[in-house]
N, C-alpha and C. Protein backbone atom coordinates (compact mmCIF):
# COMPACT_ATOMS: atom_id res chain seq x y z
N MET A 1 -86.79 28.81 16.26
CA MET A 1 -88.08 28.67 16.17
C MET A 1 -88.78 27.19 16.28
N LYS A 2 -89.35 26.79 17.12
CA LYS A 2 -89.95 25.43 17.09
C LYS A 2 -90.46 24.98 15.74
N LYS A 3 -90.17 23.72 15.43
CA LYS A 3 -90.60 22.98 14.10
C LYS A 3 -92.33 22.18 14.30
N ARG A 4 -93.27 22.57 13.54
CA ARG A 4 -94.37 22.33 13.61
C ARG A 4 -94.56 21.51 12.11
N LEU A 5 -95.39 20.26 12.70
CA LEU A 5 -95.99 19.57 11.38
C LEU A 5 -97.47 19.87 11.28
N TYR A 6 -97.53 20.35 9.97
CA TYR A 6 -99.01 20.99 9.47
C TYR A 6 -98.61 20.49 7.85
N THR A 7 -99.89 20.65 7.30
CA THR A 7 -99.84 20.00 5.93
C THR A 7 -100.02 21.03 4.98
N PRO A 8 -99.03 21.64 4.06
CA PRO A 8 -98.96 22.88 3.22
C PRO A 8 -99.94 22.78 2.03
N LYS A 9 -100.19 23.84 1.91
CA LYS A 9 -101.42 24.21 0.90
C LYS A 9 -100.65 23.56 -0.32
N ASN A 10 -99.80 24.33 -0.78
CA ASN A 10 -99.07 24.01 -2.33
C ASN A 10 -98.97 22.84 -2.58
N GLU A 11 -98.63 21.79 -1.81
CA GLU A 11 -97.93 20.49 -2.03
C GLU A 11 -99.04 19.66 -1.77
N GLU A 12 -100.11 19.69 -1.40
CA GLU A 12 -101.07 18.56 -0.99
C GLU A 12 -101.47 17.74 -2.20
N ARG A 13 -101.39 16.38 -1.73
CA ARG A 13 -101.94 15.45 -2.99
C ARG A 13 -103.17 14.86 -2.44
N ILE A 14 -103.18 13.96 -1.47
CA ILE A 14 -104.07 13.21 -1.12
C ILE A 14 -104.18 13.64 0.63
N GLY A 15 -104.70 14.23 0.96
CA GLY A 15 -104.54 14.37 2.40
C GLY A 15 -103.08 15.33 2.95
N GLY A 16 -102.32 15.26 2.39
CA GLY A 16 -101.09 16.14 2.55
C GLY A 16 -99.79 15.71 3.61
N VAL A 17 -100.20 14.27 4.10
CA VAL A 17 -99.45 13.84 4.91
C VAL A 17 -98.30 13.71 4.50
N CYS A 18 -98.18 13.08 3.37
CA CYS A 18 -96.58 12.91 3.13
C CYS A 18 -95.80 14.25 2.85
N ALA A 19 -96.47 15.16 2.45
CA ALA A 19 -95.99 16.42 2.22
C ALA A 19 -95.52 17.33 3.36
N ALA A 20 -96.50 16.94 4.47
CA ALA A 20 -96.22 17.26 5.87
C ALA A 20 -95.05 16.86 6.42
N ILE A 21 -94.93 15.47 6.24
CA ILE A 21 -93.70 15.00 7.20
C ILE A 21 -92.33 15.36 6.39
N ALA A 22 -92.61 15.34 4.97
CA ALA A 22 -91.34 15.85 4.13
C ALA A 22 -90.82 17.57 4.60
N ASN A 23 -92.09 18.19 5.19
CA ASN A 23 -91.58 19.49 5.23
C ASN A 23 -90.97 19.59 6.57
N TYR A 24 -91.45 18.57 7.41
CA TYR A 24 -91.26 18.56 8.85
C TYR A 24 -89.53 18.11 8.85
N PHE A 25 -89.25 17.15 8.12
CA PHE A 25 -87.72 16.36 8.15
C PHE A 25 -86.96 17.12 7.14
N ASP A 26 -87.34 17.88 6.35
CA ASP A 26 -86.58 18.73 5.26
C ASP A 26 -86.22 17.99 4.32
N VAL A 27 -86.95 17.23 3.44
CA VAL A 27 -86.66 16.32 2.64
C VAL A 27 -87.66 16.39 1.42
N ASP A 28 -87.24 15.82 0.42
CA ASP A 28 -88.20 16.04 -1.02
C ASP A 28 -89.38 14.90 -0.53
N PRO A 29 -90.62 15.93 -0.81
CA PRO A 29 -91.98 15.03 -0.86
C PRO A 29 -92.06 13.94 -1.71
N THR A 30 -91.33 13.52 -2.80
CA THR A 30 -91.71 12.50 -3.47
C THR A 30 -90.84 11.48 -3.07
N ILE A 31 -89.77 11.37 -1.91
CA ILE A 31 -89.36 10.45 -1.42
C ILE A 31 -90.11 9.79 -0.61
N ILE A 32 -90.65 10.77 0.54
CA ILE A 32 -91.75 10.27 1.26
C ILE A 32 -92.76 9.64 0.73
N ARG A 33 -93.42 10.01 -0.17
CA ARG A 33 -94.36 9.33 -1.15
C ARG A 33 -94.16 7.83 -1.63
N ILE A 34 -92.85 7.91 -2.28
CA ILE A 34 -92.40 6.47 -2.83
C ILE A 34 -92.36 5.35 -1.22
N ILE A 35 -91.80 5.94 -0.28
CA ILE A 35 -91.93 4.85 0.83
C ILE A 35 -92.94 4.89 1.38
N ALA A 36 -94.35 5.70 1.59
CA ALA A 36 -95.44 5.19 1.80
C ALA A 36 -95.98 4.31 0.54
N ILE A 37 -96.00 4.48 -0.71
CA ILE A 37 -96.32 3.43 -1.49
C ILE A 37 -95.86 2.43 -1.46
N ALA A 38 -94.59 1.93 -0.86
CA ALA A 38 -93.67 0.87 -1.02
C ALA A 38 -94.14 0.19 0.14
N LEU A 39 -94.55 0.97 1.28
CA LEU A 39 -95.23 0.48 2.54
C LEU A 39 -96.56 -0.30 2.32
N LEU A 40 -97.40 0.36 1.45
CA LEU A 40 -98.66 0.06 1.26
C LEU A 40 -98.58 -1.45 0.35
N LEU A 41 -97.81 -1.50 -0.70
CA LEU A 41 -97.49 -2.58 -1.70
C LEU A 41 -96.85 -3.67 -1.08
N PHE A 42 -95.68 -3.53 -0.54
CA PHE A 42 -94.69 -4.55 -0.17
C PHE A 42 -94.41 -4.83 1.32
N THR A 43 -95.79 -4.86 1.96
CA THR A 43 -95.79 -5.19 3.10
C THR A 43 -97.20 -5.87 3.58
N ASN A 44 -97.04 -6.74 4.68
CA ASN A 44 -98.61 -7.28 4.62
C ASN A 44 -99.24 -6.83 5.76
N HIS A 45 -99.50 -5.31 5.69
CA HIS A 45 -99.75 -4.26 6.55
C HIS A 45 -100.54 -3.34 5.69
N PHE A 46 -101.08 -3.72 4.80
CA PHE A 46 -101.95 -2.55 4.10
C PHE A 46 -102.90 -1.98 4.60
N PHE A 47 -103.55 -2.17 5.27
CA PHE A 47 -104.96 -1.90 5.82
C PHE A 47 -104.38 -0.98 7.30
N THR A 48 -103.63 -1.55 7.56
CA THR A 48 -102.87 -0.66 8.88
C THR A 48 -102.25 0.32 8.30
N VAL A 49 -101.49 0.50 7.24
CA VAL A 49 -100.81 1.47 6.89
C VAL A 49 -101.63 2.66 6.20
N LEU A 50 -102.67 2.10 5.69
CA LEU A 50 -103.84 2.83 5.05
C LEU A 50 -104.65 3.84 6.37
N PHE A 51 -105.00 3.13 7.26
CA PHE A 51 -105.48 3.52 8.59
C PHE A 51 -104.78 4.33 9.17
N ILE A 52 -103.62 4.22 9.31
CA ILE A 52 -102.48 5.39 10.06
C ILE A 52 -102.47 6.58 9.27
N TYR A 53 -102.17 6.50 7.83
CA TYR A 53 -102.45 7.29 6.69
C TYR A 53 -103.61 8.26 7.00
N PHE A 54 -104.68 7.79 7.08
CA PHE A 54 -106.18 8.67 7.08
C PHE A 54 -106.41 9.23 8.65
N LEU A 55 -105.81 8.70 9.87
CA LEU A 55 -105.60 9.07 10.70
C LEU A 55 -104.85 10.33 10.83
N LEU A 56 -103.78 10.05 10.40
CA LEU A 56 -102.54 11.38 10.57
C LEU A 56 -103.42 12.70 9.39
N ALA A 57 -104.14 12.08 7.97
CA ALA A 57 -104.57 13.27 7.35
C ALA A 57 -105.51 14.05 8.54
N ILE A 58 -106.12 13.20 9.04
CA ILE A 58 -107.51 14.09 10.13
C ILE A 58 -106.40 14.82 11.14
N ALA A 59 -105.72 14.18 11.82
CA ALA A 59 -104.96 14.86 13.05
C ALA A 59 -103.83 15.90 12.95
N ILE A 60 -103.61 16.06 11.37
CA ILE A 60 -102.32 17.18 11.14
C ILE A 60 -103.03 18.44 10.72
N PRO A 61 -102.84 19.60 11.34
CA PRO A 61 -103.96 20.60 10.92
C PRO A 61 -103.15 21.41 9.79
N GLU A 62 -103.77 21.81 8.97
CA GLU A 62 -103.42 22.89 7.90
C GLU A 62 -102.41 23.94 7.96
N GLU A 63 -101.85 24.15 7.01
CA GLU A 63 -100.94 25.63 7.38
C GLU A 63 -101.23 26.84 7.83
N ASP A 64 -102.60 27.25 7.17
CA ASP A 64 -103.30 28.40 7.97
C ASP A 64 -103.72 28.27 9.23
N GLU A 65 -104.07 27.17 9.73
CA GLU A 65 -104.34 26.94 10.99
C GLU A 65 -103.49 27.17 11.85
N VAL A 66 -102.35 26.64 11.64
CA VAL A 66 -100.80 26.48 12.62
C VAL A 66 -100.41 28.28 12.50
N LYS A 67 -100.47 28.82 11.27
CA LYS A 67 -100.12 30.16 11.34
C LYS A 67 -100.70 31.47 11.99
N LYS A 68 -102.24 30.78 11.60
CA LYS A 68 -102.63 31.77 12.64
C LYS A 68 -102.92 31.48 14.28
N LYS A 69 -102.60 30.50 14.43
CA LYS A 69 -102.47 30.37 16.34
C LYS A 69 -100.98 30.83 16.41
N ASN A 70 -99.98 30.57 15.62
CA ASN A 70 -98.87 31.19 16.11
C ASN A 70 -98.88 32.85 16.25
N LYS A 71 -99.70 33.51 15.10
CA LYS A 71 -99.68 34.81 15.15
C LYS A 71 -100.36 35.05 16.41
N HIS A 72 -101.64 34.56 16.56
CA HIS A 72 -102.18 34.83 18.02
C HIS A 72 -101.50 34.87 19.17
N LYS A 73 -100.72 34.14 19.14
CA LYS A 73 -99.97 33.81 20.28
C LYS A 73 -98.69 34.23 20.69
N LYS A 74 -98.08 34.92 19.42
CA LYS A 74 -96.92 35.99 19.29
C LYS A 74 -97.61 37.30 19.99
N ASN A 75 -98.86 37.63 19.46
CA ASN A 75 -99.56 38.96 20.02
C ASN A 75 -100.10 39.00 21.09
N THR A 76 -99.97 37.63 21.94
CA THR A 76 -100.64 37.66 23.29
C THR A 76 -99.47 37.80 23.81
N GLU A 77 -98.48 37.42 23.46
CA GLU A 77 -97.21 37.54 24.43
C GLU A 77 -96.63 38.85 24.14
N ILE A 78 -96.65 39.39 23.15
CA ILE A 78 -96.16 41.13 23.00
C ILE A 78 -97.43 41.86 23.84
N ASN A 79 -98.32 41.64 23.94
CA ASN A 79 -99.33 42.51 24.78
C ASN A 79 -99.34 42.35 26.21
N ASP A 80 -98.58 40.86 26.82
CA ASP A 80 -98.33 40.89 28.08
C ASP A 80 -96.98 41.19 28.59
N LYS A 81 -96.13 41.19 27.56
CA LYS A 81 -95.02 42.21 28.09
C LYS A 81 -95.09 43.39 28.29
N LYS A 82 -96.10 43.53 27.01
CA LYS A 82 -96.51 45.60 27.35
C LYS A 82 -97.03 45.94 28.60
N ASP A 83 -97.92 45.03 29.05
CA ASP A 83 -98.85 45.03 30.03
C ASP A 83 -98.06 44.88 31.58
N ASN A 84 -97.01 43.66 31.53
CA ASN A 84 -96.10 43.69 32.52
C ASN A 84 -94.98 44.92 32.38
N PHE A 85 -94.79 45.73 31.37
CA PHE A 85 -93.78 46.86 31.61
C PHE A 85 -94.40 47.89 32.08
N ARG A 86 -95.98 48.38 31.88
CA ARG A 86 -96.84 49.26 32.29
C ARG A 86 -96.79 48.91 34.13
N GLU A 87 -97.15 47.65 34.33
CA GLU A 87 -96.97 47.56 35.60
C GLU A 87 -95.63 47.96 36.34
N ASP A 88 -94.43 47.61 35.78
CA ASP A 88 -93.30 48.03 36.45
C ASP A 88 -92.95 49.50 36.65
N ALA A 89 -93.61 50.22 35.80
CA ALA A 89 -93.39 51.76 35.71
C ALA A 89 -94.02 52.02 36.90
N PHE A 90 -95.11 51.89 37.11
CA PHE A 90 -95.60 52.19 38.49
C PHE A 90 -95.16 51.76 39.80
């Protein structure tokens, strides 16, 4: 199955960006949050990091949207296979 980046509903804090990245790379969200805070506080790019974070919060889809889209895609593929089978039968 293809990996998807999405914000999980149960782990969301502020925007769910850190939880989404942590789930994608299969690590603990706390580690990603610590790295994000360290980038904010200890670099000279505070506003750049903050801007990128909020862009990602807007761009990353929610878990429900991704699951709904995948379910619809799977149903469409199954129906296409059924139609092809029916055409081949005749």
